[in-house]
Amino acid sequence: MIKIFAFAITLSSIAFNCKAQVYIEPISGFQLDLNNQDKFKQINTAAQLTFHKNRRYEFIVRLQKTWPIKYLSSDSSFSLNPALPLYANAPKKIRAFSYSLSIGNRFTILGGKTNNIFSVILYAGLTVQTFAISYKYDKTNYTILNPDKSITKAGLFLSGGFEYMHKLKSGRFFTQLIVASPPARKMKYPANFGFVAPLSLNIGYSIFIKKLKRKK
């Protein structure tokens, strides 16, 4: 994965030294987690800077934040007090969210000369995933064996998918279906979940900013 990420960096240096049309693209969407039996669902928002090289290729710099939809579960808590029940349910709430910075490539596969364009999108970047965990139970008399803990971890990731774009008189509308890998690292303690590997459906809009000229 590190080699792929280095290759993407090399592509970025090429992109910034070539003639291109520049767009800013706000994006919003919804995503499901493929790595935890669909436990975590998130709303995502992103903004990306796109360098349109030609009708077949665009280079992308993307910043994204995901917003958690809380996941409710429960663990078992136990008491040594003989006057209380041995077992009690301990409701648990997990809020999974993340930040990511990535660079990407948009390759046109159909419709490059028309107003309806189908493309393949590939990204490589760095993501920071956070799992905020809270329990609600009688902490004075009960305890949870090996409870889940809040955690924040960063790692490299890859993502890719398909995009449909429609050119308008001013700007471009697009929708994406993207799947991403979890960050390339491991949890350091036993947990009832893993890092999020999202499948996202996004919509976005391209706003033309300026035209870059080739550097001599």
N, C-alpha and C. Protein backbone atom coordinates (compact mmCIF):
# COMPACT_ATOMS: atom_id res chain seq x y z
N MET A 1 0.82 -1.20 0.00
CA MET A 1 0.00 0.00 0.00
C MET A 1 0.86 1.26 0.00
N ILE A 2 1.99 1.22 0.70
CA ILE A 2 2.88 2.38 0.75
C ILE A 2 3.43 2.71 -0.63
N LYS A 3 3.73 1.67 -1.42
CA LYS A 3 4.22 1.89 -2.79
C LYS A 3 3.15 2.55 -3.65
N ILE A 4 1.91 2.11 -3.47
CA ILE A 4 0.80 2.71 -4.23
C ILE A 4 0.62 4.17 -3.84
N PHE A 5 0.73 4.45 -2.54
CA PHE A 5 0.58 5.82 -2.07
C PHE A 5 1.71 6.70 -2.63
N ALA A 6 2.93 6.18 -2.67
CA ALA A 6 4.05 6.94 -3.24
C ALA A 6 3.84 7.21 -4.72
N PHE A 7 3.27 6.24 -5.41
CA PHE A 7 2.96 6.43 -6.83
C PHE A 7 1.93 7.54 -7.02
N ALA A 8 0.94 7.60 -6.12
CA ALA A 8 -0.07 8.65 -6.21
C ALA A 8 0.55 10.02 -5.98
N ILE A 9 1.52 10.10 -5.07
CA ILE A 9 2.22 11.37 -4.83
C ILE A 9 2.95 11.80 -6.09
N THR A 10 3.57 10.84 -6.77
CA THR A 10 4.27 11.15 -8.02
C THR A 10 3.31 11.70 -9.06
N LEU A 11 2.13 11.12 -9.16
CA LEU A 11 1.12 11.62 -10.09
C LEU A 11 0.73 13.06 -9.76
N SER A 12 0.67 13.38 -8.45
CA SER A 12 0.29 14.73 -8.06
C SER A 12 1.31 15.76 -8.53
N SER A 13 2.60 15.41 -8.46
CA SER A 13 3.63 16.35 -8.91
C SER A 13 3.52 16.60 -10.40
N ILE A 14 3.14 15.57 -11.15
CA ILE A 14 2.95 15.73 -12.59
C ILE A 14 1.75 16.63 -12.87
N ALA A 15 0.69 16.43 -12.11
CA ALA A 15 -0.55 17.19 -12.33
C ALA A 15 -0.35 18.68 -12.13
N PHE A 16 0.44 19.06 -11.13
CA PHE A 16 0.60 20.46 -10.83
C PHE A 16 1.54 21.16 -11.79
N ASN A 17 2.15 20.43 -12.70
CA ASN A 17 3.06 21.05 -13.66
C ASN A 17 2.54 20.96 -15.08
N CYS A 18 1.25 20.76 -15.22
CA CYS A 18 0.64 20.64 -16.54
C CYS A 18 -0.57 21.56 -16.65
N LYS A 19 -0.95 21.81 -17.88
CA LYS A 19 -2.12 22.62 -18.16
C LYS A 19 -3.38 21.91 -17.67
N ALA A 20 -4.28 22.64 -17.00
CA ALA A 20 -5.49 22.01 -16.47
C ALA A 20 -6.56 23.04 -16.16
N GLN A 21 -7.81 22.60 -16.22
CA GLN A 21 -8.93 23.37 -15.70
C GLN A 21 -9.17 22.93 -14.27
N VAL A 22 -9.38 23.89 -13.37
CA VAL A 22 -9.50 23.58 -11.94
C VAL A 22 -10.95 23.74 -11.48
N TYR A 23 -11.45 22.73 -10.77
CA TYR A 23 -12.80 22.74 -10.22
C TYR A 23 -12.75 22.51 -8.70
N ILE A 24 -13.69 23.10 -7.98
CA ILE A 24 -13.92 22.75 -6.58
C ILE A 24 -15.22 21.95 -6.55
N GLU A 25 -15.21 20.85 -5.79
CA GLU A 25 -16.35 19.94 -5.82
C GLU A 25 -16.82 19.60 -4.41
N PRO A 26 -17.89 20.26 -3.91
CA PRO A 26 -18.50 19.84 -2.64
C PRO A 26 -19.27 18.54 -2.85
N ILE A 27 -19.20 17.66 -1.82
CA ILE A 27 -19.79 16.32 -1.92
C ILE A 27 -20.51 15.99 -0.61
N SER A 28 -21.61 15.28 -0.72
CA SER A 28 -22.26 14.72 0.47
C SER A 28 -22.75 13.32 0.13
N GLY A 29 -22.95 12.49 1.17
CA GLY A 29 -23.39 11.13 0.90
C GLY A 29 -23.67 10.34 2.16
N PHE A 30 -23.95 9.07 1.95
CA PHE A 30 -24.26 8.14 3.03
C PHE A 30 -23.42 6.90 2.84
N GLN A 31 -22.93 6.31 3.93
CA GLN A 31 -22.10 5.13 3.79
C GLN A 31 -22.41 4.05 4.82
N LEU A 32 -22.22 2.80 4.38
CA LEU A 32 -22.38 1.61 5.20
C LEU A 32 -21.01 0.99 5.45
N ASP A 33 -20.88 0.29 6.55
CA ASP A 33 -19.62 -0.35 6.90
C ASP A 33 -19.63 -1.81 6.47
N LEU A 34 -18.68 -2.22 5.62
CA LEU A 34 -18.60 -3.59 5.15
C LEU A 34 -17.78 -4.48 6.06
N ASN A 35 -17.11 -3.91 7.05
CA ASN A 35 -16.16 -4.65 7.88
C ASN A 35 -16.74 -5.09 9.22
N ASN A 36 -17.93 -4.64 9.57
CA ASN A 36 -18.49 -4.93 10.89
C ASN A 36 -19.95 -5.37 10.82
N GLN A 37 -20.26 -6.16 9.81
CA GLN A 37 -21.63 -6.66 9.62
C GLN A 37 -22.65 -5.52 9.63
N ASP A 38 -22.28 -4.43 8.97
CA ASP A 38 -23.18 -3.29 8.82
C ASP A 38 -23.54 -2.61 10.15
N LYS A 39 -22.64 -2.66 11.12
CA LYS A 39 -22.92 -2.02 12.41
C LYS A 39 -22.98 -0.50 12.28
N PHE A 40 -21.98 0.07 11.59
CA PHE A 40 -21.81 1.51 11.59
C PHE A 40 -22.30 2.13 10.30
N LYS A 41 -23.14 3.12 10.43
CA LYS A 41 -23.63 3.92 9.31
C LYS A 41 -23.23 5.37 9.54
N GLN A 42 -22.87 6.06 8.47
CA GLN A 42 -22.33 7.42 8.61
C GLN A 42 -22.83 8.32 7.49
N ILE A 43 -22.90 9.60 7.80
CA ILE A 43 -23.11 10.64 6.80
C ILE A 43 -21.74 11.21 6.47
N ASN A 44 -21.43 11.34 5.20
CA ASN A 44 -20.12 11.90 4.87
C ASN A 44 -20.25 13.21 4.11
N THR A 45 -19.31 14.09 4.36
CA THR A 45 -19.20 15.36 3.64
C THR A 45 -17.75 15.50 3.19
N ALA A 46 -17.57 16.07 2.02
CA ALA A 46 -16.22 16.19 1.47
C ALA A 46 -16.14 17.38 0.54
N ALA A 47 -14.92 17.80 0.31
CA ALA A 47 -14.63 18.81 -0.71
C ALA A 47 -13.37 18.37 -1.43
N GLN A 48 -13.39 18.44 -2.74
CA GLN A 48 -12.21 18.05 -3.48
C GLN A 48 -11.87 19.07 -4.56
N LEU A 49 -10.58 19.21 -4.76
CA LEU A 49 -10.04 20.09 -5.80
C LEU A 49 -9.66 19.21 -6.98
N THR A 50 -10.21 19.51 -8.14
CA THR A 50 -10.03 18.65 -9.31
C THR A 50 -9.31 19.40 -10.42
N PHE A 51 -8.31 18.74 -10.99
CA PHE A 51 -7.52 19.31 -12.09
C PHE A 51 -7.86 18.52 -13.35
N HIS A 52 -8.66 19.13 -14.21
CA HIS A 52 -9.11 18.49 -15.44
C HIS A 52 -8.01 18.61 -16.49
N LYS A 53 -7.35 17.48 -16.78
CA LYS A 53 -6.22 17.48 -17.71
C LYS A 53 -6.69 17.41 -19.16
N ASN A 54 -7.59 16.47 -19.41
CA ASN A 54 -8.16 16.27 -20.74
C ASN A 54 -9.46 15.48 -20.57
N ARG A 55 -10.09 15.11 -21.67
CA ARG A 55 -11.39 14.45 -21.56
C ARG A 55 -11.30 13.03 -21.01
N ARG A 56 -10.09 12.53 -20.83
CA ARG A 56 -9.92 11.16 -20.32
C ARG A 56 -9.43 11.10 -18.88
N TYR A 57 -8.88 12.21 -18.35
CA TYR A 57 -8.23 12.11 -17.04
C TYR A 57 -8.36 13.39 -16.24
N GLU A 58 -8.59 13.24 -14.91
CA GLU A 58 -8.56 14.35 -13.96
C GLU A 58 -7.83 13.89 -12.69
N PHE A 59 -7.10 14.82 -12.11
CA PHE A 59 -6.39 14.57 -10.85
C PHE A 59 -7.16 15.25 -9.72
N ILE A 60 -7.22 14.58 -8.54
CA ILE A 60 -8.09 15.03 -7.45
C ILE A 60 -7.33 15.10 -6.13
N VAL A 61 -7.60 16.15 -5.35
CA VAL A 61 -7.17 16.24 -3.96
C VAL A 61 -8.44 16.35 -3.12
N ARG A 62 -8.63 15.44 -2.17
CA ARG A 62 -9.91 15.31 -1.47
C ARG A 62 -9.74 15.36 0.04
N LEU A 63 -10.60 16.13 0.70
CA LEU A 63 -10.66 16.20 2.16
C LEU A 63 -12.07 15.80 2.58
N GLN A 64 -12.18 14.83 3.50
CA GLN A 64 -13.49 14.30 3.87
C GLN A 64 -13.64 14.15 5.38
N LYS A 65 -14.85 14.36 5.86
CA LYS A 65 -15.21 14.07 7.25
C LYS A 65 -16.49 13.26 7.24
N THR A 66 -16.54 12.21 8.07
CA THR A 66 -17.77 11.44 8.23
C THR A 66 -18.39 11.76 9.59
N TRP A 67 -19.71 11.76 9.61
CA TRP A 67 -20.48 12.09 10.81
C TRP A 67 -21.21 10.84 11.27
N PRO A 68 -21.10 10.49 12.55
CA PRO A 68 -21.64 9.20 13.01
C PRO A 68 -23.14 9.17 13.16
N ILE A 69 -23.72 8.03 12.81
CA ILE A 69 -25.07 7.67 13.23
C ILE A 69 -24.87 6.65 14.35
N LYS A 70 -25.30 6.97 15.55
CA LYS A 70 -24.95 6.15 16.71
C LYS A 70 -25.42 4.71 16.55
N TYR A 71 -24.58 3.79 17.03
CA TYR A 71 -24.90 2.38 17.02
C TYR A 71 -25.13 1.94 18.47
N LEU A 72 -26.29 1.33 18.73
CA LEU A 72 -26.67 0.92 20.07
C LEU A 72 -26.50 -0.59 20.22
N SER A 73 -25.87 -0.98 21.31
CA SER A 73 -25.66 -2.38 21.60
C SER A 73 -25.68 -2.56 23.12
N SER A 74 -25.17 -3.67 23.59
CA SER A 74 -25.11 -3.88 25.04
C SER A 74 -24.07 -4.94 25.37
N ASP A 75 -23.52 -4.86 26.57
CA ASP A 75 -22.63 -5.86 27.12
C ASP A 75 -23.23 -6.36 28.44
N SER A 76 -22.58 -7.34 29.02
CA SER A 76 -23.02 -7.87 30.32
C SER A 76 -22.18 -7.28 31.43
N SER A 77 -22.82 -6.86 32.50
CA SER A 77 -22.12 -6.40 33.69
C SER A 77 -22.43 -7.35 34.84
N PHE A 78 -21.49 -7.46 35.78
CA PHE A 78 -21.61 -8.45 36.86
C PHE A 78 -21.36 -7.77 38.20
N SER A 79 -22.00 -8.34 39.25
CA SER A 79 -21.85 -7.80 40.60
C SER A 79 -21.47 -8.92 41.56
N LEU A 80 -20.61 -8.59 42.56
CA LEU A 80 -20.25 -9.53 43.62
C LEU A 80 -21.08 -9.31 44.86
N ASN A 81 -21.97 -8.34 44.80
CA ASN A 81 -22.85 -8.05 45.93
C ASN A 81 -23.96 -9.10 45.99
N PRO A 82 -24.00 -9.91 47.06
CA PRO A 82 -25.02 -10.98 47.13
C PRO A 82 -26.45 -10.45 47.21
N ALA A 83 -26.60 -9.16 47.56
CA ALA A 83 -27.95 -8.60 47.66
C ALA A 83 -28.48 -8.15 46.30
N LEU A 84 -27.65 -8.21 45.27
CA LEU A 84 -28.04 -7.77 43.94
C LEU A 84 -27.99 -8.93 42.96
N PRO A 85 -28.72 -8.83 41.87
CA PRO A 85 -28.61 -9.88 40.83
C PRO A 85 -27.17 -9.98 40.32
N LEU A 86 -26.73 -11.19 40.03
CA LEU A 86 -25.37 -11.39 39.56
C LEU A 86 -25.12 -10.68 38.24
N TYR A 87 -26.12 -10.66 37.39
CA TYR A 87 -25.98 -10.14 36.03
C TYR A 87 -26.91 -8.96 35.80
N ALA A 88 -26.44 -7.98 35.04
CA ALA A 88 -27.29 -6.86 34.62
C ALA A 88 -26.86 -6.43 33.22
N ASN A 89 -27.81 -6.02 32.42
CA ASN A 89 -27.52 -5.54 31.07
C ASN A 89 -26.86 -4.16 31.14
N ALA A 90 -25.87 -3.93 30.28
CA ALA A 90 -25.17 -2.65 30.24
C ALA A 90 -25.30 -2.06 28.83
N PRO A 91 -26.27 -1.18 28.59
CA PRO A 91 -26.41 -0.57 27.26
C PRO A 91 -25.14 0.16 26.84
N LYS A 92 -24.81 0.02 25.55
CA LYS A 92 -23.57 0.60 25.01
C LYS A 92 -23.90 1.42 23.77
N LYS A 93 -23.26 2.58 23.65
CA LYS A 93 -23.42 3.43 22.47
C LYS A 93 -22.06 3.66 21.83
N ILE A 94 -21.98 3.43 20.53
CA ILE A 94 -20.74 3.65 19.79
C ILE A 94 -20.99 4.68 18.70
N ARG A 95 -20.14 5.70 18.68
CA ARG A 95 -20.19 6.72 17.64
C ARG A 95 -18.89 6.63 16.84
N ALA A 96 -18.98 6.16 15.59
CA ALA A 96 -17.81 5.98 14.74
C ALA A 96 -17.75 7.10 13.71
N PHE A 97 -16.64 7.85 13.69
CA PHE A 97 -16.48 8.92 12.71
C PHE A 97 -15.03 9.00 12.28
N SER A 98 -14.75 9.77 11.24
CA SER A 98 -13.40 9.79 10.70
C SER A 98 -13.12 11.07 9.92
N TYR A 99 -11.83 11.31 9.70
CA TYR A 99 -11.33 12.35 8.80
C TYR A 99 -10.40 11.66 7.81
N SER A 100 -10.32 12.18 6.60
CA SER A 100 -9.38 11.61 5.64
C SER A 100 -8.90 12.67 4.66
N LEU A 101 -7.67 12.51 4.23
CA LEU A 101 -7.07 13.34 3.19
C LEU A 101 -6.50 12.39 2.15
N SER A 102 -6.91 12.58 0.90
CA SER A 102 -6.47 11.64 -0.13
C SER A 102 -6.23 12.36 -1.44
N ILE A 103 -5.50 11.70 -2.31
CA ILE A 103 -5.31 12.15 -3.67
C ILE A 103 -5.87 11.07 -4.59
N GLY A 104 -6.45 11.49 -5.72
CA GLY A 104 -7.14 10.52 -6.54
C GLY A 104 -7.02 10.78 -8.02
N ASN A 105 -7.60 9.86 -8.77
CA ASN A 105 -7.56 9.90 -10.22
C ASN A 105 -8.93 9.54 -10.77
N ARG A 106 -9.39 10.33 -11.71
CA ARG A 106 -10.67 10.10 -12.38
C ARG A 106 -10.38 9.75 -13.84
N PHE A 107 -10.65 8.48 -14.20
CA PHE A 107 -10.38 7.99 -15.55
C PHE A 107 -11.70 7.81 -16.29
N THR A 108 -11.89 8.52 -17.38
CA THR A 108 -13.11 8.39 -18.18
C THR A 108 -13.09 7.07 -18.95
N ILE A 109 -14.19 6.31 -18.86
CA ILE A 109 -14.28 5.05 -19.60
C ILE A 109 -15.34 5.11 -20.71
N LEU A 110 -16.33 6.00 -20.55
CA LEU A 110 -17.37 6.16 -21.57
C LEU A 110 -17.85 7.62 -21.60
N GLY A 111 -18.15 8.12 -22.80
CA GLY A 111 -18.80 9.42 -22.93
C GLY A 111 -17.91 10.63 -22.80
N GLY A 112 -16.62 10.48 -23.05
CA GLY A 112 -15.71 11.61 -22.88
C GLY A 112 -16.03 12.81 -23.74
N LYS A 113 -16.70 12.58 -24.88
CA LYS A 113 -17.04 13.67 -25.80
C LYS A 113 -18.50 14.10 -25.67
N THR A 114 -19.21 13.57 -24.68
CA THR A 114 -20.63 13.89 -24.52
C THR A 114 -20.87 14.59 -23.19
N ASN A 115 -22.14 14.86 -22.91
CA ASN A 115 -22.51 15.48 -21.63
C ASN A 115 -22.74 14.46 -20.52
N ASN A 116 -22.68 13.17 -20.86
CA ASN A 116 -22.89 12.10 -19.88
C ASN A 116 -21.64 11.23 -19.84
N ILE A 117 -20.94 11.29 -18.73
CA ILE A 117 -19.62 10.68 -18.63
C ILE A 117 -19.61 9.62 -17.53
N PHE A 118 -19.04 8.46 -17.85
CA PHE A 118 -18.87 7.38 -16.88
C PHE A 118 -17.37 7.21 -16.63
N SER A 119 -17.00 7.18 -15.34
CA SER A 119 -15.59 7.15 -14.99
C SER A 119 -15.31 6.14 -13.89
N VAL A 120 -14.04 5.76 -13.80
CA VAL A 120 -13.51 5.00 -12.67
C VAL A 120 -12.74 5.96 -11.79
N ILE A 121 -12.97 5.89 -10.45
CA ILE A 121 -12.31 6.77 -9.49
C ILE A 121 -11.41 5.93 -8.60
N LEU A 122 -10.17 6.37 -8.41
CA LEU A 122 -9.23 5.70 -7.50
C LEU A 122 -8.62 6.73 -6.56
N TYR A 123 -8.58 6.40 -5.26
CA TYR A 123 -8.00 7.29 -4.25
C TYR A 123 -6.97 6.53 -3.41
N ALA A 124 -6.00 7.27 -2.87
CA ALA A 124 -5.07 6.76 -1.86
C ALA A 124 -4.82 7.89 -0.87
N GLY A 125 -4.79 7.58 0.41
CA GLY A 125 -4.61 8.66 1.37
C GLY A 125 -4.46 8.20 2.80
N LEU A 126 -4.64 9.14 3.69
CA LEU A 126 -4.51 8.92 5.13
C LEU A 126 -5.86 9.17 5.79
N THR A 127 -6.28 8.24 6.66
CA THR A 127 -7.53 8.42 7.38
C THR A 127 -7.30 8.29 8.88
N VAL A 128 -8.08 9.03 9.64
CA VAL A 128 -8.09 8.93 11.10
C VAL A 128 -9.48 8.51 11.52
N GLN A 129 -9.59 7.33 12.13
CA GLN A 129 -10.88 6.81 12.57
C GLN A 129 -11.00 6.87 14.08
N THR A 130 -12.15 7.33 14.57
CA THR A 130 -12.42 7.43 16.01
C THR A 130 -13.68 6.66 16.35
N PHE A 131 -13.61 5.90 17.44
CA PHE A 131 -14.75 5.19 17.99
C PHE A 131 -14.96 5.70 19.42
N ALA A 132 -16.01 6.49 19.61
CA ALA A 132 -16.34 7.02 20.93
C ALA A 132 -17.37 6.10 21.57
N ILE A 133 -17.01 5.49 22.69
CA ILE A 133 -17.85 4.47 23.31
C ILE A 133 -18.28 4.91 24.70
N SER A 134 -19.55 4.74 24.99
CA SER A 134 -20.07 5.08 26.32
C SER A 134 -21.05 3.99 26.78
N TYR A 135 -21.01 3.70 28.11
CA TYR A 135 -21.89 2.71 28.72
C TYR A 135 -22.83 3.41 29.70
N LYS A 136 -23.98 2.78 29.91
CA LYS A 136 -24.94 3.28 30.89
C LYS A 136 -25.36 2.12 31.79
N TYR A 137 -24.77 2.08 33.01
CA TYR A 137 -25.09 1.02 33.96
C TYR A 137 -24.66 1.46 35.36
N ASP A 138 -24.97 0.66 36.36
CA ASP A 138 -24.62 0.96 37.75
C ASP A 138 -23.14 0.66 37.97
N LYS A 139 -22.30 1.69 37.81
CA LYS A 139 -20.85 1.49 37.91
C LYS A 139 -20.37 1.31 39.35
N THR A 140 -21.22 1.62 40.32
CA THR A 140 -20.85 1.45 41.72
C THR A 140 -20.88 -0.02 42.13
N ASN A 141 -21.88 -0.73 41.67
CA ASN A 141 -22.08 -2.11 42.10
C ASN A 141 -21.76 -3.16 41.03
N TYR A 142 -21.61 -2.73 39.79
CA TYR A 142 -21.39 -3.67 38.70
C TYR A 142 -20.11 -3.33 37.93
N THR A 143 -19.58 -4.33 37.30
CA THR A 143 -18.40 -4.13 36.47
C THR A 143 -18.56 -4.92 35.16
N ILE A 144 -17.90 -4.45 34.10
CA ILE A 144 -17.92 -5.13 32.80
C ILE A 144 -16.55 -5.75 32.57
N LEU A 145 -16.55 -7.01 32.25
CA LEU A 145 -15.29 -7.69 31.94
C LEU A 145 -14.87 -7.37 30.51
N ASN A 146 -13.64 -6.87 30.34
CA ASN A 146 -13.10 -6.52 29.02
C ASN A 146 -14.03 -5.59 28.23
N PRO A 147 -14.34 -4.43 28.78
CA PRO A 147 -15.23 -3.51 28.05
C PRO A 147 -14.53 -2.92 26.82
N ASP A 148 -15.32 -2.56 25.83
CA ASP A 148 -14.77 -1.80 24.70
C ASP A 148 -14.36 -0.42 25.18
N LYS A 149 -13.31 0.13 24.58
CA LYS A 149 -12.79 1.43 24.96
C LYS A 149 -12.78 2.37 23.76
N SER A 150 -12.92 3.65 24.03
CA SER A 150 -12.82 4.64 22.95
C SER A 150 -11.41 4.60 22.38
N ILE A 151 -11.32 4.77 21.07
CA ILE A 151 -10.02 4.66 20.41
C ILE A 151 -9.98 5.57 19.20
N THR A 152 -8.79 6.11 18.91
CA THR A 152 -8.53 6.89 17.70
C THR A 152 -7.24 6.38 17.07
N LYS A 153 -7.30 6.01 15.81
CA LYS A 153 -6.13 5.50 15.11
C LYS A 153 -6.07 6.06 13.70
N ALA A 154 -4.85 6.22 13.18
CA ALA A 154 -4.64 6.72 11.81
C ALA A 154 -3.94 5.66 10.99
N GLY A 155 -4.19 5.67 9.68
CA GLY A 155 -3.52 4.73 8.80
C GLY A 155 -3.79 5.06 7.34
N LEU A 156 -2.99 4.47 6.46
CA LEU A 156 -3.17 4.65 5.03
C LEU A 156 -4.35 3.80 4.54
N PHE A 157 -5.01 4.26 3.49
CA PHE A 157 -6.13 3.51 2.93
C PHE A 157 -6.18 3.68 1.42
N LEU A 158 -6.91 2.79 0.77
CA LEU A 158 -7.19 2.87 -0.65
C LEU A 158 -8.69 2.83 -0.87
N SER A 159 -9.17 3.47 -1.91
CA SER A 159 -10.59 3.39 -2.24
C SER A 159 -10.76 3.53 -3.75
N GLY A 160 -11.90 3.11 -4.21
CA GLY A 160 -12.17 3.21 -5.64
C GLY A 160 -13.61 2.86 -5.95
N GLY A 161 -14.03 3.22 -7.15
CA GLY A 161 -15.41 2.93 -7.54
C GLY A 161 -15.74 3.55 -8.87
N PHE A 162 -17.04 3.78 -9.06
CA PHE A 162 -17.54 4.27 -10.34
C PHE A 162 -18.29 5.59 -10.14
N GLU A 163 -18.31 6.39 -11.20
CA GLU A 163 -18.95 7.70 -11.14
C GLU A 163 -19.70 7.99 -12.44
N TYR A 164 -20.87 8.59 -12.29
CA TYR A 164 -21.60 9.13 -13.43
C TYR A 164 -21.62 10.65 -13.29
N MET A 165 -21.24 11.35 -14.35
CA MET A 165 -21.20 12.81 -14.34
C MET A 165 -22.03 13.36 -15.51
N HIS A 166 -22.81 14.41 -15.22
CA HIS A 166 -23.59 15.07 -16.26
C HIS A 166 -23.15 16.54 -16.35
N LYS A 167 -22.72 16.95 -17.53
CA LYS A 167 -22.31 18.32 -17.74
C LYS A 167 -23.52 19.24 -17.88
N LEU A 168 -23.47 20.38 -17.19
CA LEU A 168 -24.52 21.39 -17.26
C LEU A 168 -23.97 22.62 -17.96
N LYS A 169 -24.82 23.61 -18.18
CA LYS A 169 -24.35 24.85 -18.80
C LYS A 169 -23.27 25.51 -17.96
N SER A 170 -23.45 25.46 -16.66
CA SER A 170 -22.42 25.96 -15.74
C SER A 170 -22.22 24.92 -14.66
N GLY A 171 -21.08 24.26 -14.67
CA GLY A 171 -20.79 23.24 -13.69
C GLY A 171 -21.12 21.83 -14.16
N ARG A 172 -20.91 20.89 -13.25
CA ARG A 172 -21.12 19.48 -13.55
C ARG A 172 -21.73 18.79 -12.32
N PHE A 173 -22.74 17.98 -12.52
CA PHE A 173 -23.34 17.19 -11.44
C PHE A 173 -22.83 15.76 -11.54
N PHE A 174 -22.54 15.12 -10.41
CA PHE A 174 -22.08 13.74 -10.47
C PHE A 174 -22.56 12.94 -9.26
N THR A 175 -22.60 11.63 -9.43
CA THR A 175 -22.90 10.70 -8.34
C THR A 175 -21.86 9.59 -8.37
N GLN A 176 -21.47 9.11 -7.18
CA GLN A 176 -20.39 8.13 -7.06
C GLN A 176 -20.83 6.94 -6.21
N LEU A 177 -20.30 5.77 -6.52
CA LEU A 177 -20.38 4.60 -5.66
C LEU A 177 -18.94 4.18 -5.38
N ILE A 178 -18.51 4.34 -4.10
CA ILE A 178 -17.11 4.16 -3.74
C ILE A 178 -17.00 3.15 -2.59
N VAL A 179 -16.03 2.25 -2.69
CA VAL A 179 -15.72 1.34 -1.59
C VAL A 179 -14.27 1.60 -1.15
N ALA A 180 -14.03 1.60 0.16
CA ALA A 180 -12.71 1.91 0.71
C ALA A 180 -12.22 0.81 1.64
N SER A 181 -10.92 0.66 1.70
CA SER A 181 -10.33 -0.29 2.64
C SER A 181 -10.30 0.33 4.04
N PRO A 182 -10.24 -0.50 5.09
CA PRO A 182 -9.98 0.06 6.42
C PRO A 182 -8.54 0.56 6.48
N PRO A 183 -8.19 1.39 7.46
CA PRO A 183 -6.80 1.83 7.58
C PRO A 183 -5.86 0.65 7.76
N ALA A 184 -4.66 0.79 7.22
CA ALA A 184 -3.69 -0.31 7.22
C ALA A 184 -2.98 -0.40 8.56
N ARG A 185 -3.71 -0.84 9.57
CA ARG A 185 -3.14 -1.08 10.89
C ARG A 185 -4.10 -1.96 11.67
N LYS A 186 -3.69 -2.40 12.87
CA LYS A 186 -4.50 -3.31 13.66
C LYS A 186 -4.92 -2.67 14.97
N MET A 187 -6.05 -3.16 15.51
CA MET A 187 -6.45 -2.78 16.85
C MET A 187 -5.43 -3.37 17.84
N LYS A 188 -5.11 -2.62 18.89
CA LYS A 188 -4.11 -3.07 19.86
C LYS A 188 -4.72 -3.78 21.07
N TYR A 189 -6.01 -3.91 21.11
CA TYR A 189 -6.66 -4.60 22.23
C TYR A 189 -7.87 -5.35 21.71
N PRO A 190 -8.29 -6.41 22.40
CA PRO A 190 -9.49 -7.14 21.94
C PRO A 190 -10.70 -6.22 21.90
N ALA A 191 -11.45 -6.26 20.80
CA ALA A 191 -12.62 -5.40 20.66
C ALA A 191 -13.70 -6.17 19.92
N ASN A 192 -14.93 -5.72 20.08
CA ASN A 192 -16.05 -6.35 19.41
C ASN A 192 -16.31 -5.76 18.04
N PHE A 193 -15.36 -4.99 17.52
CA PHE A 193 -15.52 -4.38 16.20
C PHE A 193 -14.15 -4.15 15.60
N GLY A 194 -14.12 -3.88 14.31
CA GLY A 194 -12.88 -3.54 13.62
C GLY A 194 -13.00 -2.15 13.01
N PHE A 195 -11.97 -1.72 12.32
CA PHE A 195 -12.02 -0.43 11.65
C PHE A 195 -13.08 -0.44 10.55
N VAL A 196 -13.58 0.74 10.23
CA VAL A 196 -14.64 0.86 9.23
C VAL A 196 -14.07 0.73 7.82
N ALA A 197 -14.72 -0.08 6.99
CA ALA A 197 -14.43 -0.17 5.56
C ALA A 197 -15.71 0.26 4.83
N PRO A 198 -15.83 1.53 4.48
CA PRO A 198 -17.13 2.05 4.02
C PRO A 198 -17.43 1.79 2.54
N LEU A 199 -18.71 1.55 2.31
CA LEU A 199 -19.28 1.58 0.96
C LEU A 199 -20.18 2.81 0.93
N SER A 200 -19.83 3.80 0.11
CA SER A 200 -20.52 5.08 0.14
C SER A 200 -21.19 5.41 -1.19
N LEU A 201 -22.34 6.05 -1.09
CA LEU A 201 -23.05 6.60 -2.24
C LEU A 201 -23.06 8.11 -2.08
N ASN A 202 -22.43 8.83 -3.02
CA ASN A 202 -22.24 10.27 -2.90
C ASN A 202 -22.86 11.02 -4.08
N ILE A 203 -23.20 12.26 -3.82
CA ILE A 203 -23.55 13.18 -4.90
C ILE A 203 -22.68 14.43 -4.75
N GLY A 204 -22.38 15.07 -5.86
CA GLY A 204 -21.53 16.25 -5.81
C GLY A 204 -21.76 17.18 -6.98
N TYR A 205 -21.11 18.33 -6.91
CA TYR A 205 -21.26 19.34 -7.95
C TYR A 205 -19.91 19.99 -8.21
N SER A 206 -19.54 20.12 -9.47
CA SER A 206 -18.27 20.74 -9.87
C SER A 206 -18.47 22.20 -10.19
N ILE A 207 -17.69 23.05 -9.55
CA ILE A 207 -17.72 24.51 -9.79
C ILE A 207 -16.39 24.91 -10.40
N PHE A 208 -16.43 25.44 -11.61
CA PHE A 208 -15.19 25.85 -12.28
C PHE A 208 -14.57 27.04 -11.56
N ILE A 209 -13.24 26.98 -11.35
CA ILE A 209 -12.53 28.05 -10.65
C ILE A 209 -11.62 28.83 -11.61
N LYS A 210 -10.69 28.11 -12.23
CA LYS A 210 -9.73 28.81 -13.07
C LYS A 210 -9.08 27.81 -14.04
N LYS A 211 -8.27 28.35 -14.94
CA LYS A 211 -7.53 27.54 -15.88
C LYS A 211 -6.05 27.75 -15.64
N LEU A 212 -5.33 26.64 -15.41
CA LEU A 212 -3.90 26.69 -15.21
C LEU A 212 -3.16 26.56 -16.53
N LYS A 213 -2.06 27.27 -16.64
CA LYS A 213 -1.24 27.16 -17.84
C LYS A 213 -0.02 26.30 -17.53
N ARG A 214 0.47 25.66 -18.55
CA ARG A 214 1.64 24.79 -18.40
C ARG A 214 2.86 25.61 -17.99
N LYS A 215 3.60 25.08 -16.99
CA LYS A 215 4.81 25.78 -16.55
C LYS A 215 5.93 25.48 -17.54
N LYS A 216 6.72 26.53 -17.83
CA LYS A 216 7.84 26.35 -18.76
C LYS A 216 9.12 25.99 -18.01
